[in-house]
Amino acid sequence: MLWNQAVHTDREVTANRPDIIIKNNKEKTCTLIDVAIPADRNVVQKEEEKKLKYKSLCVEIQRMWNLKCTVITIIIGATGIVTRSLRRPFGNCTRKTFDRFTTKDSYARNSTHNTESTAV
């Protein structure tokens, strides 16, 4: 397991520093994990951006290390909003465990925010 480490490749790859790298030599797999916390309206856009960003690094890792490589993006909005695809990597977790990410407390700001405008 590596974090905050650049991956040195034979070919030049611009995005070569994911947040976490998990290398499993027994199963011949490598998992690149990248985490971001954007504004709530940019969650889906940021997820696609991160997947595309690390695609070339994943291809290079497969070629150099002879490992099957996957990219997991963990994108959680500023108020706790997550995409549906975040549930796939955590498939063995129960629903109750997964919901810790999206508790009602994370939406407290939205429910207590006064949206009434004052007329001048």
PDB file of N, CA and C in Angstrom:
ATOM      1  N   MET A   1       0.849  -1.167   0.000  1.00  0.00           N
ATOM      2  CA  MET A   1       0.000   0.000   0.000  1.00  0.00           C
ATOM      3  C   MET A   1       0.895   1.231   0.000  1.00  0.00           C
ATOM      4  N   LEU A   2       0.629   2.129  -0.906  1.00  0.00           N
ATOM      5  CA  LEU A   2       1.387   3.365  -1.021  1.00  0.00           C
ATOM      6  C   LEU A   2       0.429   4.546  -1.022  1.00  0.00           C
ATOM      7  N   TRP A   3       0.855   5.666  -0.509  1.00  0.00           N
ATOM      8  CA  TRP A   3       0.073   6.886  -0.605  1.00  0.00           C
ATOM      9  C   TRP A   3       1.029   8.034  -0.845  1.00  0.00           C
ATOM     10  N   ASN A   4       0.548   9.000  -1.601  1.00  0.00           N
ATOM     11  CA  ASN A   4       1.332  10.185  -1.937  1.00  0.00           C
ATOM     12  C   ASN A   4       2.662   9.798  -2.588  1.00  0.00           C
ATOM     13  N   GLN A   5       2.627   8.816  -3.460  1.00  0.00           N
ATOM     14  CA  GLN A   5       3.813   8.346  -4.169  1.00  0.00           C
ATOM     15  C   GLN A   5       3.585   8.471  -5.669  1.00  0.00           C
ATOM     16  N   ALA A   6       4.577   8.973  -6.355  1.00  0.00           N
ATOM     17  CA  ALA A   6       4.514   9.024  -7.811  1.00  0.00           C
ATOM     18  C   ALA A   6       4.920   7.667  -8.369  1.00  0.00           C
ATOM     19  N   VAL A   7       4.238   7.235  -9.418  1.00  0.00           N
ATOM     20  CA  VAL A   7       4.563   5.979 -10.090  1.00  0.00           C
ATOM     21  C   VAL A   7       5.454   6.320 -11.278  1.00  0.00           C
ATOM     22  N   HIS A   8       6.655   5.762 -11.300  1.00  0.00           N
ATOM     23  CA  HIS A   8       7.580   6.006 -12.402  1.00  0.00           C
ATOM     24  C   HIS A   8       7.299   5.011 -13.518  1.00  0.00           C
ATOM     25  N   THR A   9       7.055   5.538 -14.706  1.00  0.00           N
ATOM     26  CA  THR A   9       6.705   4.692 -15.845  1.00  0.00           C
ATOM     27  C   THR A   9       7.713   4.908 -16.972  1.00  0.00           C
ATOM     28  N   ASP A  10       7.734   3.963 -17.916  1.00  0.00           N
ATOM     29  CA  ASP A  10       8.622   4.078 -19.070  1.00  0.00           C
ATOM     30  C   ASP A  10       8.169   5.206 -19.990  1.00  0.00           C
ATOM     31  N   ARG A  11       6.885   5.294 -20.186  1.00  0.00           N
ATOM     32  CA  ARG A  11       6.311   6.362 -21.016  1.00  0.00           C
ATOM     33  C   ARG A  11       5.848   7.488 -20.109  1.00  0.00           C
ATOM     34  N   GLU A  12       5.819   8.675 -20.663  1.00  0.00           N
ATOM     35  CA  GLU A  12       5.416   9.839 -19.861  1.00  0.00           C
ATOM     36  C   GLU A  12       3.902   9.820 -19.617  1.00  0.00           C
ATOM     37  N   VAL A  13       3.538   9.865 -18.351  1.00  0.00           N
ATOM     38  CA  VAL A  13       2.137   9.922 -17.939  1.00  0.00           C
ATOM     39  C   VAL A  13       1.984  11.163 -17.073  1.00  0.00           C
ATOM     40  N   THR A  14       1.070  12.034 -17.448  1.00  0.00           N
ATOM     41  CA  THR A  14       0.937  13.296 -16.707  1.00  0.00           C
ATOM     42  C   THR A  14       0.356  13.083 -15.315  1.00  0.00           C
ATOM     43  N   ALA A  15      -0.621  12.213 -15.188  1.00  0.00           N
ATOM     44  CA  ALA A  15      -1.243  11.957 -13.879  1.00  0.00           C
ATOM     45  C   ALA A  15      -0.661  10.664 -13.322  1.00  0.00           C
ATOM     46  N   ASN A  16       0.417  10.766 -12.558  1.00  0.00           N
ATOM     47  CA  ASN A  16       1.077   9.563 -12.051  1.00  0.00           C
ATOM     48  C   ASN A  16       1.131   9.536 -10.525  1.00  0.00           C
ATOM     49  N   ARG A  17       0.246  10.273  -9.871  1.00  0.00           N
ATOM     50  CA  ARG A  17       0.273  10.351  -8.409  1.00  0.00           C
ATOM     51  C   ARG A  17      -1.141  10.240  -7.826  1.00  0.00           C
ATOM     52  N   PRO A  18      -1.729   9.028  -7.841  1.00  0.00           N
ATOM     53  CA  PRO A  18      -3.042   8.883  -7.203  1.00  0.00           C
ATOM     54  C   PRO A  18      -2.905   8.972  -5.683  1.00  0.00           C
ATOM     55  N   ASP A  19      -4.021   9.150  -4.999  1.00  0.00           N
ATOM     56  CA  ASP A  19      -3.977   9.296  -3.542  1.00  0.00           C
ATOM     57  C   ASP A  19      -3.503   8.018  -2.860  1.00  0.00           C
ATOM     58  N   ILE A  20      -4.020   6.865  -3.271  1.00  0.00           N
ATOM     59  CA  ILE A  20      -3.663   5.582  -2.655  1.00  0.00           C
ATOM     60  C   ILE A  20      -3.437   4.548  -3.753  1.00  0.00           C
ATOM     61  N   ILE A  21      -2.391   3.731  -3.593  1.00  0.00           N
ATOM     62  CA  ILE A  21      -2.114   2.617  -4.502  1.00  0.00           C
ATOM     63  C   ILE A  21      -2.059   1.343  -3.668  1.00  0.00           C
ATOM     64  N   ILE A  22      -2.906   0.390  -4.019  1.00  0.00           N
ATOM     65  CA  ILE A  22      -2.904  -0.907  -3.329  1.00  0.00           C
ATOM     66  C   ILE A  22      -2.456  -1.955  -4.340  1.00  0.00           C
ATOM     67  N   LYS A  23      -1.299  -2.540  -4.061  1.00  0.00           N
ATOM     68  CA  LYS A  23      -0.722  -3.537  -4.963  1.00  0.00           C
ATOM     69  C   LYS A  23      -0.777  -4.897  -4.269  1.00  0.00           C
ATOM     70  N   ASN A  24      -1.439  -5.856  -4.904  1.00  0.00           N
ATOM     71  CA  ASN A  24      -1.577  -7.200  -4.353  1.00  0.00           C
ATOM     72  C   ASN A  24      -0.885  -8.175  -5.305  1.00  0.00           C
ATOM     73  N   ASN A  25       0.307  -8.608  -4.922  1.00  0.00           N
ATOM     74  CA  ASN A  25       1.072  -9.504  -5.795  1.00  0.00           C
ATOM     75  C   ASN A  25       0.506 -10.914  -5.841  1.00  0.00           C
ATOM     76  N   LYS A  26      -0.135 -11.363  -4.772  1.00  0.00           N
ATOM     77  CA  LYS A  26      -0.709 -12.705  -4.766  1.00  0.00           C
ATOM     78  C   LYS A  26      -1.838 -12.834  -5.778  1.00  0.00           C
ATOM     79  N   GLU A  27      -2.735 -11.842  -5.779  1.00  0.00           N
ATOM     80  CA  GLU A  27      -3.868 -11.874  -6.707  1.00  0.00           C
ATOM     81  C   GLU A  27      -3.554 -11.197  -8.031  1.00  0.00           C
ATOM     82  N   LYS A  28      -2.359 -10.633  -8.150  1.00  0.00           N
ATOM     83  CA  LYS A  28      -1.924  -9.916  -9.350  1.00  0.00           C
ATOM     84  C   LYS A  28      -2.885  -8.786  -9.713  1.00  0.00           C
ATOM     85  N   THR A  29      -3.183  -7.946  -8.714  1.00  0.00           N
ATOM     86  CA  THR A  29      -4.056  -6.796  -8.945  1.00  0.00           C
ATOM     87  C   THR A  29      -3.408  -5.535  -8.393  1.00  0.00           C
ATOM     88  N   CYS A  30      -3.815  -4.434  -8.934  1.00  0.00           N
ATOM     89  CA  CYS A  30      -3.394  -3.128  -8.454  1.00  0.00           C
ATOM     90  C   CYS A  30      -4.619  -2.219  -8.489  1.00  0.00           C
ATOM     91  N   THR A  31      -4.853  -1.514  -7.398  1.00  0.00           N
ATOM     92  CA  THR A  31      -6.005  -0.626  -7.301  1.00  0.00           C
ATOM     93  C   THR A  31      -5.513   0.788  -7.047  1.00  0.00           C
ATOM     94  N   LEU A  32      -5.948   1.702  -7.888  1.00  0.00           N
ATOM     95  CA  LEU A  32      -5.631   3.113  -7.720  1.00  0.00           C
ATOM     96  C   LEU A  32      -6.864   3.791  -7.137  1.00  0.00           C
ATOM     97  N   ILE A  33      -6.708   4.461  -6.007  1.00  0.00           N
ATOM     98  CA  ILE A  33      -7.838   5.130  -5.351  1.00  0.00           C
ATOM     99  C   ILE A  33      -7.554   6.620  -5.316  1.00  0.00           C
ATOM    100  N   ASP A  34      -8.522   7.387  -5.763  1.00  0.00           N
ATOM    101  CA  ASP A  34      -8.384   8.835  -5.735  1.00  0.00           C
ATOM    102  C   ASP A  34      -9.623   9.423  -5.068  1.00  0.00           C
ATOM    103  N   VAL A  35      -9.412  10.374  -4.184  1.00  0.00           N
ATOM    104  CA  VAL A  35     -10.479  10.949  -3.378  1.00  0.00           C
ATOM    105  C   VAL A  35     -10.607  12.429  -3.693  1.00  0.00           C
ATOM    106  N   ALA A  36     -11.843  12.916  -3.771  1.00  0.00           N
ATOM    107  CA  ALA A  36     -12.084  14.341  -3.979  1.00  0.00           C
ATOM    108  C   ALA A  36     -13.371  14.741  -3.278  1.00  0.00           C
ATOM    109  N   ILE A  37     -13.426  16.009  -2.874  1.00  0.00           N
ATOM    110  CA  ILE A  37     -14.623  16.558  -2.241  1.00  0.00           C
ATOM    111  C   ILE A  37     -14.979  17.865  -2.956  1.00  0.00           C
ATOM    112  N   PRO A  38     -15.706  17.758  -4.074  1.00  0.00           N
ATOM    113  CA  PRO A  38     -16.079  18.965  -4.825  1.00  0.00           C
ATOM    114  C   PRO A  38     -17.383  19.565  -4.301  1.00  0.00           C
ATOM    115  N   ALA A  39     -17.801  20.655  -4.913  1.00  0.00           N
ATOM    116  CA  ALA A  39     -19.122  21.203  -4.626  1.00  0.00           C
ATOM    117  C   ALA A  39     -20.170  20.194  -5.077  1.00  0.00           C
ATOM    118  N   ASP A  40     -21.349  20.231  -4.466  1.00  0.00           N
ATOM    119  CA  ASP A  40     -22.370  19.212  -4.733  1.00  0.00           C
ATOM    120  C   ASP A  40     -22.785  19.136  -6.191  1.00  0.00           C
ATOM    121  N   ARG A  41     -22.780  20.225  -6.896  1.00  0.00           N
ATOM    122  CA  ARG A  41     -23.235  20.188  -8.286  1.00  0.00           C
ATOM    123  C   ARG A  41     -22.191  19.605  -9.233  1.00  0.00           C
ATOM    124  N   ASN A  42     -20.960  19.409  -8.767  1.00  0.00           N
ATOM    125  CA  ASN A  42     -19.890  18.899  -9.618  1.00  0.00           C
ATOM    126  C   ASN A  42     -19.503  17.457  -9.322  1.00  0.00           C
ATOM    127  N   VAL A  43     -20.290  16.723  -8.566  1.00  0.00           N
ATOM    128  CA  VAL A  43     -19.899  15.378  -8.125  1.00  0.00           C
ATOM    129  C   VAL A  43     -19.755  14.421  -9.303  1.00  0.00           C
ATOM    130  N   VAL A  44     -20.729  14.341 -10.170  1.00  0.00           N
ATOM    131  CA  VAL A  44     -20.691  13.411 -11.306  1.00  0.00           C
ATOM    132  C   VAL A  44     -19.588  13.820 -12.277  1.00  0.00           C
ATOM    133  N   GLN A  45     -19.469  15.104 -12.528  1.00  0.00           N
ATOM    134  CA  GLN A  45     -18.437  15.612 -13.436  1.00  0.00           C
ATOM    135  C   GLN A  45     -17.037  15.281 -12.906  1.00  0.00           C
ATOM    136  N   LYS A  46     -16.811  15.467 -11.616  1.00  0.00           N
ATOM    137  CA  LYS A  46     -15.504  15.203 -11.011  1.00  0.00           C
ATOM    138  C   LYS A  46     -15.163  13.719 -11.062  1.00  0.00           C
ATOM    139  N   GLU A  47     -16.181  12.863 -10.876  1.00  0.00           N
ATOM    140  CA  GLU A  47     -15.946  11.424 -10.929  1.00  0.00           C
ATOM    141  C   GLU A  47     -15.454  10.993 -12.307  1.00  0.00           C
ATOM    142  N   GLU A  48     -16.100  11.466 -13.344  1.00  0.00           N
ATOM    143  CA  GLU A  48     -15.684  11.126 -14.706  1.00  0.00           C
ATOM    144  C   GLU A  48     -14.309  11.697 -15.020  1.00  0.00           C
ATOM    145  N   GLU A  49     -14.043  12.889 -14.537  1.00  0.00           N
ATOM    146  CA  GLU A  49     -12.744  13.530 -14.755  1.00  0.00           C
ATOM    147  C   GLU A  49     -11.610  12.702 -14.138  1.00  0.00           C
ATOM    148  N   LYS A  50     -11.810  12.203 -12.931  1.00  0.00           N
ATOM    149  CA  LYS A  50     -10.782  11.415 -12.241  1.00  0.00           C
ATOM    150  C   LYS A  50     -10.559  10.064 -12.925  1.00  0.00           C
ATOM    151  N   LYS A  51     -11.634   9.421 -13.370  1.00  0.00           N
ATOM    152  CA  LYS A  51     -11.486   8.138 -14.063  1.00  0.00           C
ATOM    153  C   LYS A  51     -10.676   8.302 -15.346  1.00  0.00           C
ATOM    154  N   LEU A  52     -10.987   9.342 -16.104  1.00  0.00           N
ATOM    155  CA  LEU A  52     -10.271   9.604 -17.343  1.00  0.00           C
ATOM    156  C   LEU A  52      -8.818   9.997 -17.065  1.00  0.00           C
ATOM    157  N   LYS A  53      -8.596  10.731 -15.992  1.00  0.00           N
ATOM    158  CA  LYS A  53      -7.259  11.211 -15.624  1.00  0.00           C
ATOM    159  C   LYS A  53      -6.288  10.058 -15.369  1.00  0.00           C
ATOM    160  N   TYR A  54      -6.743   9.002 -14.694  1.00  0.00           N
ATOM    161  CA  TYR A  54      -5.862   7.900 -14.315  1.00  0.00           C
ATOM    162  C   TYR A  54      -5.938   6.698 -15.246  1.00  0.00           C
ATOM    163  N   LYS A  55      -6.666   6.802 -16.331  1.00  0.00           N
ATOM    164  CA  LYS A  55      -6.780   5.692 -17.283  1.00  0.00           C
ATOM    165  C   LYS A  55      -5.431   5.357 -17.903  1.00  0.00           C
ATOM    166  N   SER A  56      -4.658   6.352 -18.320  1.00  0.00           N
ATOM    167  CA  SER A  56      -3.366   6.087 -18.952  1.00  0.00           C
ATOM    168  C   SER A  56      -2.372   5.491 -17.953  1.00  0.00           C
ATOM    169  N   LEU A  57      -2.422   5.917 -16.690  1.00  0.00           N
ATOM    170  CA  LEU A  57      -1.553   5.328 -15.671  1.00  0.00           C
ATOM    171  C   LEU A  57      -1.913   3.861 -15.443  1.00  0.00           C
ATOM    172  N   CYS A  58      -3.189   3.567 -15.448  1.00  0.00           N
ATOM    173  CA  CYS A  58      -3.649   2.192 -15.256  1.00  0.00           C
ATOM    174  C   CYS A  58      -3.143   1.292 -16.395  1.00  0.00           C
ATOM    175  N   VAL A  59      -3.183   1.778 -17.616  1.00  0.00           N
ATOM    176  CA  VAL A  59      -2.696   1.015 -18.764  1.00  0.00           C
ATOM    177  C   VAL A  59      -1.191   0.759 -18.631  1.00  0.00           C
ATOM    178  N   GLU A  60      -0.450   1.771 -18.204  1.00  0.00           N
ATOM    179  CA  GLU A  60       0.999   1.613 -18.032  1.00  0.00           C
ATOM    180  C   GLU A  60       1.334   0.623 -16.914  1.00  0.00           C
ATOM    181  N   ILE A  61       0.582   0.660 -15.827  1.00  0.00           N
ATOM    182  CA  ILE A  61       0.809  -0.289 -14.729  1.00  0.00           C
ATOM    183  C   ILE A  61       0.545  -1.718 -15.190  1.00  0.00           C
ATOM    184  N   GLN A  62      -0.510  -1.916 -15.966  1.00  0.00           N
ATOM    185  CA  GLN A  62      -0.800  -3.248 -16.490  1.00  0.00           C
ATOM    186  C   GLN A  62       0.332  -3.743 -17.372  1.00  0.00           C
ATOM    187  N   ARG A  63       0.883  -2.853 -18.172  1.00  0.00           N
ATOM    188  CA  ARG A  63       1.946  -3.228 -19.091  1.00  0.00           C
ATOM    189  C   ARG A  63       3.269  -3.490 -18.357  1.00  0.00           C
ATOM    190  N   MET A  64       3.639  -2.609 -17.427  1.00  0.00           N
ATOM    191  CA  MET A  64       4.937  -2.721 -16.763  1.00  0.00           C
ATOM    192  C   MET A  64       4.958  -3.789 -15.666  1.00  0.00           C
ATOM    193  N   TRP A  65       3.963  -3.799 -14.825  1.00  0.00           N
ATOM    194  CA  TRP A  65       3.957  -4.682 -13.656  1.00  0.00           C
ATOM    195  C   TRP A  65       3.240  -5.998 -13.909  1.00  0.00           C
ATOM    196  N   ASN A  66       2.578  -6.132 -15.059  1.00  0.00           N
ATOM    197  CA  ASN A  66       1.816  -7.328 -15.408  1.00  0.00           C
ATOM    198  C   ASN A  66       0.761  -7.633 -14.338  1.00  0.00           C
ATOM    199  N   LEU A  67       0.033  -6.601 -13.944  1.00  0.00           N
ATOM    200  CA  LEU A  67      -1.040  -6.712 -12.960  1.00  0.00           C
ATOM    201  C   LEU A  67      -2.329  -6.166 -13.554  1.00  0.00           C
ATOM    202  N   LYS A  68      -3.446  -6.702 -13.116  1.00  0.00           N
ATOM    203  CA  LYS A  68      -4.738  -6.154 -13.516  1.00  0.00           C
ATOM    204  C   LYS A  68      -4.981  -4.896 -12.678  1.00  0.00           C
ATOM    205  N   CYS A  69      -5.241  -3.792 -13.334  1.00  0.00           N
ATOM    206  CA  CYS A  69      -5.358  -2.509 -12.648  1.00  0.00           C
ATOM    207  C   CYS A  69      -6.790  -1.979 -12.719  1.00  0.00           C
ATOM    208  N   THR A  70      -7.274  -1.437 -11.611  1.00  0.00           N
ATOM    209  CA  THR A  70      -8.576  -0.788 -11.575  1.00  0.00           C
ATOM    210  C   THR A  70      -8.438   0.570 -10.895  1.00  0.00           C
ATOM    211  N   VAL A  71      -9.325   1.468 -11.259  1.00  0.00           N
ATOM    212  CA  VAL A  71      -9.345   2.809 -10.678  1.00  0.00           C
ATOM    213  C   VAL A  71     -10.637   2.960  -9.899  1.00  0.00           C
ATOM    214  N   ILE A  72     -10.522   3.341  -8.636  1.00  0.00           N
ATOM    215  CA  ILE A  72     -11.692   3.614  -7.803  1.00  0.00           C
ATOM    216  C   ILE A  72     -11.657   5.092  -7.444  1.00  0.00           C
ATOM    217  N   THR A  73     -12.724   5.781  -7.782  1.00  0.00           N
ATOM    218  CA  THR A  73     -12.815   7.198  -7.435  1.00  0.00           C
ATOM    219  C   THR A  73     -13.813   7.341  -6.293  1.00  0.00           C
ATOM    220  N   ILE A  74     -13.390   7.980  -5.233  1.00  0.00           N
ATOM    221  CA  ILE A  74     -14.265   8.238  -4.094  1.00  0.00           C
ATOM    222  C   ILE A  74     -14.548   9.732  -4.099  1.00  0.00           C
ATOM    223  N   ILE A  75     -15.735  10.083  -4.556  1.00  0.00           N
ATOM    224  CA  ILE A  75     -16.136  11.475  -4.679  1.00  0.00           C
ATOM    225  C   ILE A  75     -17.315  11.693  -3.745  1.00  0.00           C
ATOM    226  N   ILE A  76     -17.128  12.556  -2.769  1.00  0.00           N
ATOM    227  CA  ILE A  76     -18.179  12.883  -1.810  1.00  0.00           C
ATOM    228  C   ILE A  76     -18.380  14.386  -1.857  1.00  0.00           C
ATOM    229  N   GLY A  77     -19.598  14.812  -2.155  1.00  0.00           N
ATOM    230  CA  GLY A  77     -19.892  16.233  -2.227  1.00  0.00           C
ATOM    231  C   GLY A  77     -19.691  16.916  -0.886  1.00  0.00           C
ATOM    232  N   ALA A  78     -19.614  18.224  -0.911  1.00  0.00           N
ATOM    233  CA  ALA A  78     -19.323  19.002   0.292  1.00  0.00           C
ATOM    234  C   ALA A  78     -20.359  18.782   1.396  1.00  0.00           C
ATOM    235  N   THR A  79     -21.607  18.458   1.032  1.00  0.00           N
ATOM    236  CA  THR A  79     -22.635  18.203   2.048  1.00  0.00           C
ATOM    237  C   THR A  79     -22.949  16.727   2.200  1.00  0.00           C
ATOM    238  N   GLY A  80     -22.141  15.854   1.604  1.00  0.00           N
ATOM    239  CA  GLY A  80     -22.314  14.420   1.793  1.00  0.00           C
ATOM    240  C   GLY A  80     -22.965  13.691   0.643  1.00  0.00           C
ATOM    241  N   ILE A  81     -23.240  14.354  -0.449  1.00  0.00           N
ATOM    242  CA  ILE A  81     -23.860  13.701  -1.601  1.00  0.00           C
ATOM    243  C   ILE A  81     -22.834  12.808  -2.282  1.00  0.00           C
ATOM    244  N   VAL A  82     -23.234  11.581  -2.612  1.00  0.00           N
ATOM    245  CA  VAL A  82     -22.367  10.635  -3.316  1.00  0.00           C
ATOM    246  C   VAL A  82     -23.083  10.135  -4.557  1.00  0.00           C
ATOM    247  N   THR A  83     -22.308   9.612  -5.505  1.00  0.00           N
ATOM    248  CA  THR A  83     -22.905   9.043  -6.706  1.00  0.00           C
ATOM    249  C   THR A  83     -23.251   7.577  -6.453  1.00  0.00           C
ATOM    250  N   ARG A  84     -24.085   7.035  -7.289  1.00  0.00           N
ATOM    251  CA  ARG A  84     -24.489   5.637  -7.139  1.00  0.00           C
ATOM    252  C   ARG A  84     -23.323   4.687  -7.401  1.00  0.00           C
ATOM    253  N   SER A  85     -22.415   5.092  -8.247  1.00  0.00           N
ATOM    254  CA  SER A  85     -21.293   4.205  -8.572  1.00  0.00           C
ATOM    255  C   SER A  85     -20.325   4.044  -7.406  1.00  0.00           C
ATOM    256  N   LEU A  86     -20.400   4.866  -6.378  1.00  0.00           N
ATOM    257  CA  LEU A  86     -19.538   4.721  -5.209  1.00  0.00           C
ATOM    258  C   LEU A  86     -19.883   3.448  -4.440  1.00  0.00           C
ATOM    259  N   ARG A  87     -21.086   2.965  -4.566  1.00  0.00           N
ATOM    260  CA  ARG A  87     -21.504   1.762  -3.838  1.00  0.00           C
ATOM    261  C   ARG A  87     -20.874   0.495  -4.396  1.00  0.00           C
ATOM    262  N   ARG A  88     -20.489   0.481  -5.664  1.00  0.00           N
ATOM    263  CA  ARG A  88     -19.907  -0.723  -6.269  1.00  0.00           C
ATOM    264  C   ARG A  88     -18.622  -1.181  -5.578  1.00  0.00           C
ATOM    265  N   PRO A  89     -17.643  -0.306  -5.345  1.00  0.00           N
ATOM    266  CA  PRO A  89     -16.421  -0.782  -4.677  1.00  0.00           C
ATOM    267  C   PRO A  89     -16.654  -1.270  -3.250  1.00  0.00           C
ATOM    268  N   PHE A  90     -17.722  -0.815  -2.635  1.00  0.00           N
ATOM    269  CA  PHE A  90     -18.016  -1.196  -1.263  1.00  0.00           C
ATOM    270  C   PHE A  90     -19.156  -2.203  -1.213  1.00  0.00           C
ATOM    271  N   GLY A  91     -19.204  -3.097  -2.177  1.00  0.00           N
ATOM    272  CA  GLY A  91     -20.289  -4.060  -2.297  1.00  0.00           C
ATOM    273  C   GLY A  91     -20.429  -4.995  -1.113  1.00  0.00           C
ATOM    274  N   ASN A  92     -19.338  -5.307  -0.421  1.00  0.00           N
ATOM    275  CA  ASN A  92     -19.428  -6.227   0.709  1.00  0.00           C
ATOM    276  C   ASN A  92     -19.854  -5.526   1.994  1.00  0.00           C
ATOM    277  N   CYS A  93     -19.965  -4.211   1.977  1.00  0.00           N
ATOM    278  CA  CYS A  93     -20.437  -3.483   3.156  1.00  0.00           C
ATOM    279  C   CYS A  93     -21.965  -3.566   3.210  1.00  0.00           C
ATOM    280  N   THR A  94     -22.487  -3.565   4.390  1.00  0.00           N
ATOM    281  CA  THR A  94     -23.936  -3.547   4.530  1.00  0.00           C
ATOM    282  C   THR A  94     -24.449  -2.146   4.259  1.00  0.00           C
ATOM    283  N   ARG A  95     -25.724  -2.045   4.025  1.00  0.00           N
ATOM    284  CA  ARG A  95     -26.341  -0.748   3.764  1.00  0.00           C
ATOM    285  C   ARG A  95     -26.140   0.191   4.955  1.00  0.00           C
ATOM    286  N   LYS A  96     -26.246  -0.331   6.161  1.00  0.00           N
ATOM    287  CA  LYS A  96     -26.100   0.485   7.363  1.00  0.00           C
ATOM    288  C   LYS A  96     -24.686   1.057   7.469  1.00  0.00           C
ATOM    289  N   THR A  97     -23.683   0.255   7.135  1.00  0.00           N
ATOM    290  CA  THR A  97     -22.304   0.733   7.165  1.00  0.00           C
ATOM    291  C   THR A  97     -22.085   1.806   6.117  1.00  0.00           C
ATOM    292  N   PHE A  98     -22.613   1.593   4.907  1.00  0.00           N
ATOM    293  CA  PHE A  98     -22.423   2.556   3.826  1.00  0.00           C
ATOM    294  C   PHE A  98     -23.110   3.878   4.126  1.00  0.00           C
ATOM    295  N   ASP A  99     -24.233   3.834   4.801  1.00  0.00           N
ATOM    296  CA  ASP A  99     -24.976   5.051   5.080  1.00  0.00           C
ATOM    297  C   ASP A  99     -24.277   5.974   6.059  1.00  0.00           C
ATOM    298  N   ARG A 100     -23.202   5.524   6.672  1.00  0.00           N
ATOM    299  CA  ARG A 100     -22.434   6.428   7.523  1.00  0.00           C
ATOM    300  C   ARG A 100     -21.890   7.603   6.733  1.00  0.00           C
ATOM    301  N   PHE A 101     -21.636   7.381   5.425  1.00  0.00           N
ATOM    302  CA  PHE A 101     -21.159   8.460   4.577  1.00  0.00           C
ATOM    303  C   PHE A 101     -22.237   9.512   4.358  1.00  0.00           C
ATOM    304  N   THR A 102     -23.485   9.079   4.331  1.00  0.00           N
ATOM    305  CA  THR A 102     -24.574   9.977   3.960  1.00  0.00           C
ATOM    306  C   THR A 102     -25.620  10.050   5.060  1.00  0.00           C
ATOM    307  N   THR A 103     -25.217  10.333   6.259  1.00  0.00           N
ATOM    308  CA  THR A 103     -26.169  10.446   7.357  1.00  0.00           C
ATOM    309  C   THR A 103     -27.001  11.699   7.207  1.00  0.00           C
ATOM    310  N   LYS A 104     -28.090  11.742   7.938  1.00  0.00           N
ATOM    311  CA  LYS A 104     -28.946  12.916   7.888  1.00  0.00           C
ATOM    312  C   LYS A 104     -28.238  14.143   8.441  1.00  0.00           C
ATOM    313  N   ASP A 105     -27.242  13.923   9.308  1.00  0.00           N
ATOM    314  CA  ASP A 105     -26.492  15.051   9.840  1.00  0.00           C
ATOM    315  C   ASP A 105     -25.781  15.830   8.748  1.00  0.00           C
ATOM    316  N   SER A 106     -25.358  15.147   7.690  1.00  0.00           N
ATOM    317  CA  SER A 106     -24.657  15.843   6.622  1.00  0.00           C
ATOM    318  C   SER A 106     -25.598  16.745   5.835  1.00  0.00           C
ATOM    319  N   TYR A 107     -26.901  16.495   5.927  1.00  0.00           N
ATOM    320  CA  TYR A 107     -27.866  17.351   5.244  1.00  0.00           C
ATOM    321  C   TYR A 107     -28.451  18.413   6.171  1.00  0.00           C
ATOM    322  N   ALA A 108     -27.953  18.489   7.394  1.00  0.00           N
ATOM    323  CA  ALA A 108     -28.498  19.446   8.352  1.00  0.00           C
ATOM    324  C   ALA A 108     -28.356  20.872   7.857  1.00  0.00           C
ATOM    325  N   ARG A 109     -27.265  21.150   7.174  1.00  0.00           N
ATOM    326  CA  ARG A 109     -27.054  22.505   6.685  1.00  0.00           C
ATOM    327  C   ARG A 109     -28.146  22.904   5.708  1.00  0.00           C
ATOM    328  N   ASN A 110     -28.534  21.983   4.828  1.00  0.00           N
ATOM    329  CA  ASN A 110     -29.569  22.299   3.845  1.00  0.00           C
ATOM    330  C   ASN A 110     -30.933  22.484   4.495  1.00  0.00           C
ATOM    331  N   SER A 111     -31.241  21.714   5.519  1.00  0.00           N
ATOM    332  CA  SER A 111     -32.567  21.804   6.120  1.00  0.00           C
ATOM    333  C   SER A 111     -32.691  23.005   7.053  1.00  0.00           C
ATOM    334  N   THR A 112     -31.584  23.454   7.634  1.00  0.00           N
ATOM    335  CA  THR A 112     -31.664  24.598   8.545  1.00  0.00           C
ATOM    336  C   THR A 112     -31.357  25.910   7.875  1.00  0.00           C
ATOM    337  N   HIS A 113     -30.905  25.864   6.643  1.00  0.00           N
ATOM    338  CA  HIS A 113     -30.571  27.086   5.910  1.00  0.00           C
ATOM    339  C   HIS A 113     -31.871  27.838   5.592  1.00  0.00           C
ATOM    340  N   ASN A 114     -31.918  29.085   5.916  1.00  0.00           N
ATOM    341  CA  ASN A 114     -33.089  29.902   5.651  1.00  0.00           C
ATOM    342  C   ASN A 114     -33.043  30.356   4.212  1.00  0.00           C
ATOM    343  N   THR A 115     -34.008  29.930   3.397  1.00  0.00           N
ATOM    344  CA  THR A 115     -34.005  30.279   1.979  1.00  0.00           C
ATOM    345  C   THR A 115     -34.903  31.457   1.673  1.00  0.00           C
ATOM    346  N   GLU A 116     -35.530  32.061   2.682  1.00  0.00           N
ATOM    347  CA  GLU A 116     -36.394  33.198   2.442  1.00  0.00           C
ATOM    348  C   GLU A 116     -35.551  34.421   2.090  1.00  0.00           C
ATOM    349  N   SER A 117     -36.000  35.149   1.106  1.00  0.00           N
ATOM    350  CA  SER A 117     -35.272  36.358   0.731  1.00  0.00           C
ATOM    351  C   SER A 117     -35.982  37.566   1.352  1.00  0.00           C
ATOM    352  N   THR A 118     -35.240  38.550   1.646  1.00  0.00           N
ATOM    353  CA  THR A 118     -35.822  39.757   2.237  1.00  0.00           C
ATOM    354  C   THR A 118     -36.026  40.790   1.150  1.00  0.00           C
ATOM    355  N   ALA A 119     -37.194  41.352   1.138  1.00  0.00           N
ATOM    356  CA  ALA A 119     -37.499  42.376   0.137  1.00  0.00           C
ATOM    357  C   ALA A 119     -37.022  43.728   0.627  1.00  0.00           C
ATOM    358  N   VAL A 120     -36.419  44.488  -0.251  1.00  0.00           N
ATOM    359  CA  VAL A 120     -35.915  45.797   0.119  1.00  0.00           C
ATOM    360  C   VAL A 120     -36.810  46.868  -0.428  1.00  0.00           C
TER     361      VAL A 120
END
